[in-house]
């Protein structure tokens, strides 16, 4: 779960998403990303660092340049997680007692304004 949190945090930035879109369409180095986005090399470097720490990107060196690739395994892990959420299979993340339901949380909520009982449907 900790790994997924790190991945989703890394993906929560618009510039990092743009970097991933560029890298998914062509082999490119940091300088190329910088030129393509119109931002500084140091800004791209910081974003790449976060993506690499989350294991979303890998790099390989050719001469003086490092070219970046997307780690497909990480995205497959995210897709699997989303499928589990959609299917209501929470045992994979240690939440065996959670049932997917549209019923209210409890009859003991005592009329809390923020409680789901106040809403018609979850």
Protein backbone atom coordinates (compact mmCIF):
# COMPACT_ATOMS: atom_id res chain seq x y z
CA UNK A 1 0.00 0.00 0.00
CA UNK A 2 2.86 2.36 0.85
CA UNK A 3 4.23 1.95 -2.67
CA UNK A 4 0.87 2.83 -4.23
CA UNK A 5 0.61 5.97 -2.10
CA UNK A 6 4.04 7.07 -3.31
CA UNK A 7 3.07 6.40 -6.93
CA UNK A 8 -0.21 8.32 -6.72
CA UNK A 9 1.51 11.25 -4.99
CA UNK A 10 4.08 11.36 -7.77
CA UNK A 11 1.29 11.33 -10.36
CA UNK A 12 -0.60 14.16 -8.66
CA UNK A 13 1.30 16.93 -10.44
CA UNK A 14 0.33 18.28 -13.87
CA UNK A 15 3.92 18.79 -15.03
CA UNK A 16 4.88 15.23 -14.08
CA UNK A 17 1.87 13.94 -16.02
CA UNK A 18 2.99 15.96 -19.04
CA UNK A 19 6.50 14.50 -18.69
CA UNK A 20 5.01 10.99 -18.68
CA UNK A 21 2.95 11.78 -21.77
CA UNK A 22 6.09 12.96 -23.60
CA UNK A 23 8.14 9.95 -22.50
CA UNK A 24 5.35 7.56 -23.49
CA UNK A 25 5.40 8.89 -27.06
CA UNK A 26 9.16 9.09 -27.71
CA UNK A 27 12.61 8.37 -26.38
CA UNK A 28 13.83 11.63 -24.91
CA UNK A 29 16.40 13.02 -22.50
CA UNK A 30 15.99 15.62 -19.75
CA UNK A 31 17.12 18.47 -21.99
CA UNK A 32 14.55 17.48 -24.63
CA UNK A 33 11.78 17.40 -22.01
CA UNK A 34 12.87 20.83 -20.79
CA UNK A 35 12.71 22.28 -24.29
CA UNK A 36 9.43 20.58 -25.08
CA UNK A 37 7.71 21.91 -21.93
CA UNK A 38 9.44 25.29 -21.89
CA UNK A 39 10.65 24.91 -18.30
CA UNK A 40 14.14 24.91 -16.81
CA UNK A 41 16.41 21.86 -16.75
CA UNK A 42 16.49 22.03 -12.96
CA UNK A 43 12.67 21.94 -12.75
CA UNK A 44 12.59 18.88 -15.04
CA UNK A 45 15.34 17.32 -12.95
CA UNK A 46 13.28 17.70 -9.77
CA UNK A 47 10.19 16.19 -11.40
CA UNK A 48 12.21 13.29 -12.83
CA UNK A 49 13.73 12.68 -9.39
CA UNK A 50 10.24 12.30 -7.88
CA UNK A 51 9.12 9.99 -10.71
CA UNK A 52 12.25 7.87 -10.33
CA UNK A 53 11.85 7.65 -6.53
CA UNK A 54 8.33 6.31 -7.09
CA UNK A 55 9.85 3.82 -9.56
CA UNK A 56 7.66 5.22 -12.35
CA UNK A 57 10.63 6.08 -14.55
CA UNK A 58 13.85 4.32 -15.30
CA UNK A 59 16.77 5.80 -17.19
CA UNK A 60 19.57 4.48 -19.31
CA UNK A 61 22.70 6.33 -20.25
CA UNK A 62 23.95 6.77 -23.81
CA UNK A 63 27.07 8.89 -24.00
CA UNK A 64 26.45 12.10 -22.09
CA UNK A 65 22.66 11.75 -22.07
CA UNK A 66 20.22 9.80 -19.94
CA UNK A 67 17.10 8.66 -21.75
CA UNK A 68 13.99 7.86 -19.76
CA UNK A 69 11.43 5.06 -20.03
CA UNK A 70 8.20 4.37 -18.20
CA UNK A 71 8.20 1.37 -15.88
CA UNK A 72 5.21 -0.64 -17.13
CA UNK A 73 5.12 -2.79 -13.99
CA UNK A 74 4.25 0.23 -11.85
CA UNK A 75 1.34 1.19 -14.10
CA UNK A 76 0.11 -2.40 -14.14
CA UNK A 77 0.14 -2.30 -10.32
CA UNK A 78 -1.97 0.89 -10.37
CA UNK A 79 -4.40 -0.62 -12.89
CA UNK A 80 -4.75 -3.73 -10.74
CA UNK A 81 -5.44 -1.57 -7.70
CA UNK A 82 -8.13 0.39 -9.55
CA UNK A 83 -9.75 -2.85 -10.72
CA UNK A 84 -9.83 -4.13 -7.14
CA UNK A 85 -11.47 -0.90 -5.99
CA UNK A 86 -14.01 -1.08 -8.79
CA UNK A 87 -14.81 -4.73 -8.07
CA UNK A 88 -14.96 -4.22 -4.31
CA UNK A 89 -12.23 -6.78 -3.65
CA UNK A 90 -10.58 -5.15 -0.63
CA UNK A 91 -8.91 -8.28 0.74
CA UNK A 92 -5.86 -7.58 -1.40
CA UNK A 93 -5.16 -4.43 0.63
CA UNK A 94 -5.90 -5.88 4.04
CA UNK A 95 -9.50 -4.69 4.38
CA UNK A 96 -11.30 -8.03 4.56
CA UNK A 97 -14.24 -6.67 6.59
CA UNK A 98 -15.23 -3.94 4.13
CA UNK A 99 -18.23 -4.75 1.98
CA UNK A 100 -19.16 -2.78 -1.11
CA UNK A 101 -22.64 -1.50 -0.38
CA UNK A 102 -24.82 1.53 -0.90
CA UNK A 103 -26.31 1.27 2.58
CA UNK A 104 -25.64 3.78 5.33
CA UNK A 105 -22.70 3.37 7.66
CA UNK A 106 -24.53 2.70 10.89
CA UNK A 107 -27.70 3.23 12.83
CA UNK A 108 -25.53 4.53 15.69
CA UNK A 109 -24.29 7.67 13.95
CA UNK A 110 -26.51 9.89 16.16
CA UNK A 111 -27.49 12.31 13.40
CA UNK A 112 -24.01 13.63 12.63
CA UNK A 113 -24.40 16.28 9.90
CA UNK A 114 -21.51 14.85 7.89
CA UNK A 115 -22.71 11.26 8.23
CA UNK A 116 -23.64 9.34 5.12
CA UNK A 117 -27.11 8.74 6.61
CA UNK A 118 -27.87 12.36 5.72
CA UNK A 119 -27.26 11.62 2.05
CA UNK A 120 -29.70 9.68 -0.07
CA UNK A 121 -26.99 7.61 -1.74
CA UNK A 122 -23.27 7.10 -1.23
